[in-house]
C-alpha cells in the first residue's frame, strides 16, 4: 500500500510530504512547550512548502 502510494506520487514528493509532516510535529511541540509565537512561525513553513510544491507541479 505504501509502496504503491510512493510510486504514484513520486519519491521526491513523498520525501517532501514527510518533511512537511515533521515540520507540523515540531511546530506543535514548540507551540506547546517553548513559545507560542515561534510555534506559529514554524507552523507556517508547512503550507508554504506545500504551496511551492504545487507551484512547481503546475507551472508550464
Protein backbone atom coordinates (compact mmCIF):
# COMPACT_ATOMS: atom_id res chain seq x y z
CA UNK A 1 0.00 0.00 0.00
CA UNK A 2 2.71 2.47 0.98
CA UNK A 3 4.87 1.36 -1.93
CA UNK A 4 2.01 1.99 -4.37
CA UNK A 5 1.42 5.44 -2.87
CA UNK A 6 5.09 6.38 -3.24
CA UNK A 7 5.16 5.12 -6.82
CA UNK A 8 2.02 7.10 -7.62
CA UNK A 9 3.22 10.46 -6.26
CA UNK A 10 6.97 10.01 -6.78
CA UNK A 11 9.84 9.65 -4.35
CA UNK A 12 10.65 13.36 -4.15
CA UNK A 13 7.06 14.30 -3.35
CA UNK A 14 6.88 11.55 -0.72
CA UNK A 15 10.03 12.88 0.94
CA UNK A 16 8.67 16.43 0.86
CA UNK A 17 5.42 15.27 2.47
CA UNK A 18 7.44 13.61 5.24
CA UNK A 19 9.33 16.88 5.72
CA UNK A 20 6.04 18.78 5.96
CA UNK A 21 4.70 16.28 8.48
CA UNK A 22 7.83 16.61 10.61
CA UNK A 23 7.58 20.42 10.46
CA UNK A 24 3.99 20.21 11.73
CA UNK A 25 5.05 17.95 14.61
CA UNK A 26 7.95 20.23 15.55
CA UNK A 27 5.71 23.30 15.36
CA UNK A 28 3.18 21.71 17.69
CA UNK A 29 5.90 20.81 20.17
CA UNK A 30 7.40 24.31 20.07
CA UNK A 31 3.95 25.90 20.39
CA UNK A 32 3.06 23.84 23.45
CA UNK A 33 6.41 23.56 25.26
CA UNK A 34 8.61 26.52 24.27
CA UNK A 35 6.98 29.62 22.79
CA UNK A 36 3.66 30.18 21.08
CA UNK A 37 4.93 32.79 18.61
CA UNK A 38 7.85 30.60 17.50
CA UNK A 39 5.49 27.65 17.11
CA UNK A 40 3.20 29.68 14.86
CA UNK A 41 6.18 30.86 12.81
CA UNK A 42 7.45 27.32 12.31
CA UNK A 43 3.92 26.10 11.60
CA UNK A 44 3.64 28.48 8.65
CA UNK A 45 6.50 26.71 6.88
CA UNK A 46 4.38 23.63 6.09
CA UNK A 47 1.73 25.37 3.94
CA UNK A 48 4.48 27.42 2.30
CA UNK A 49 6.33 24.27 1.24
CA UNK A 50 3.09 22.66 0.03
CA UNK A 51 2.26 25.77 -1.97
CA UNK A 52 5.71 25.79 -3.52
CA UNK A 53 5.31 22.11 -4.43
CA UNK A 54 2.01 22.93 -6.17
CA UNK A 55 3.63 25.82 -7.99
CA UNK A 56 6.39 23.59 -9.31
CA UNK A 57 3.93 20.87 -10.27
CA UNK A 58 1.58 23.08 -12.29
CA UNK A 59 3.92 25.60 -13.89
CA UNK A 60 4.42 25.27 -17.59
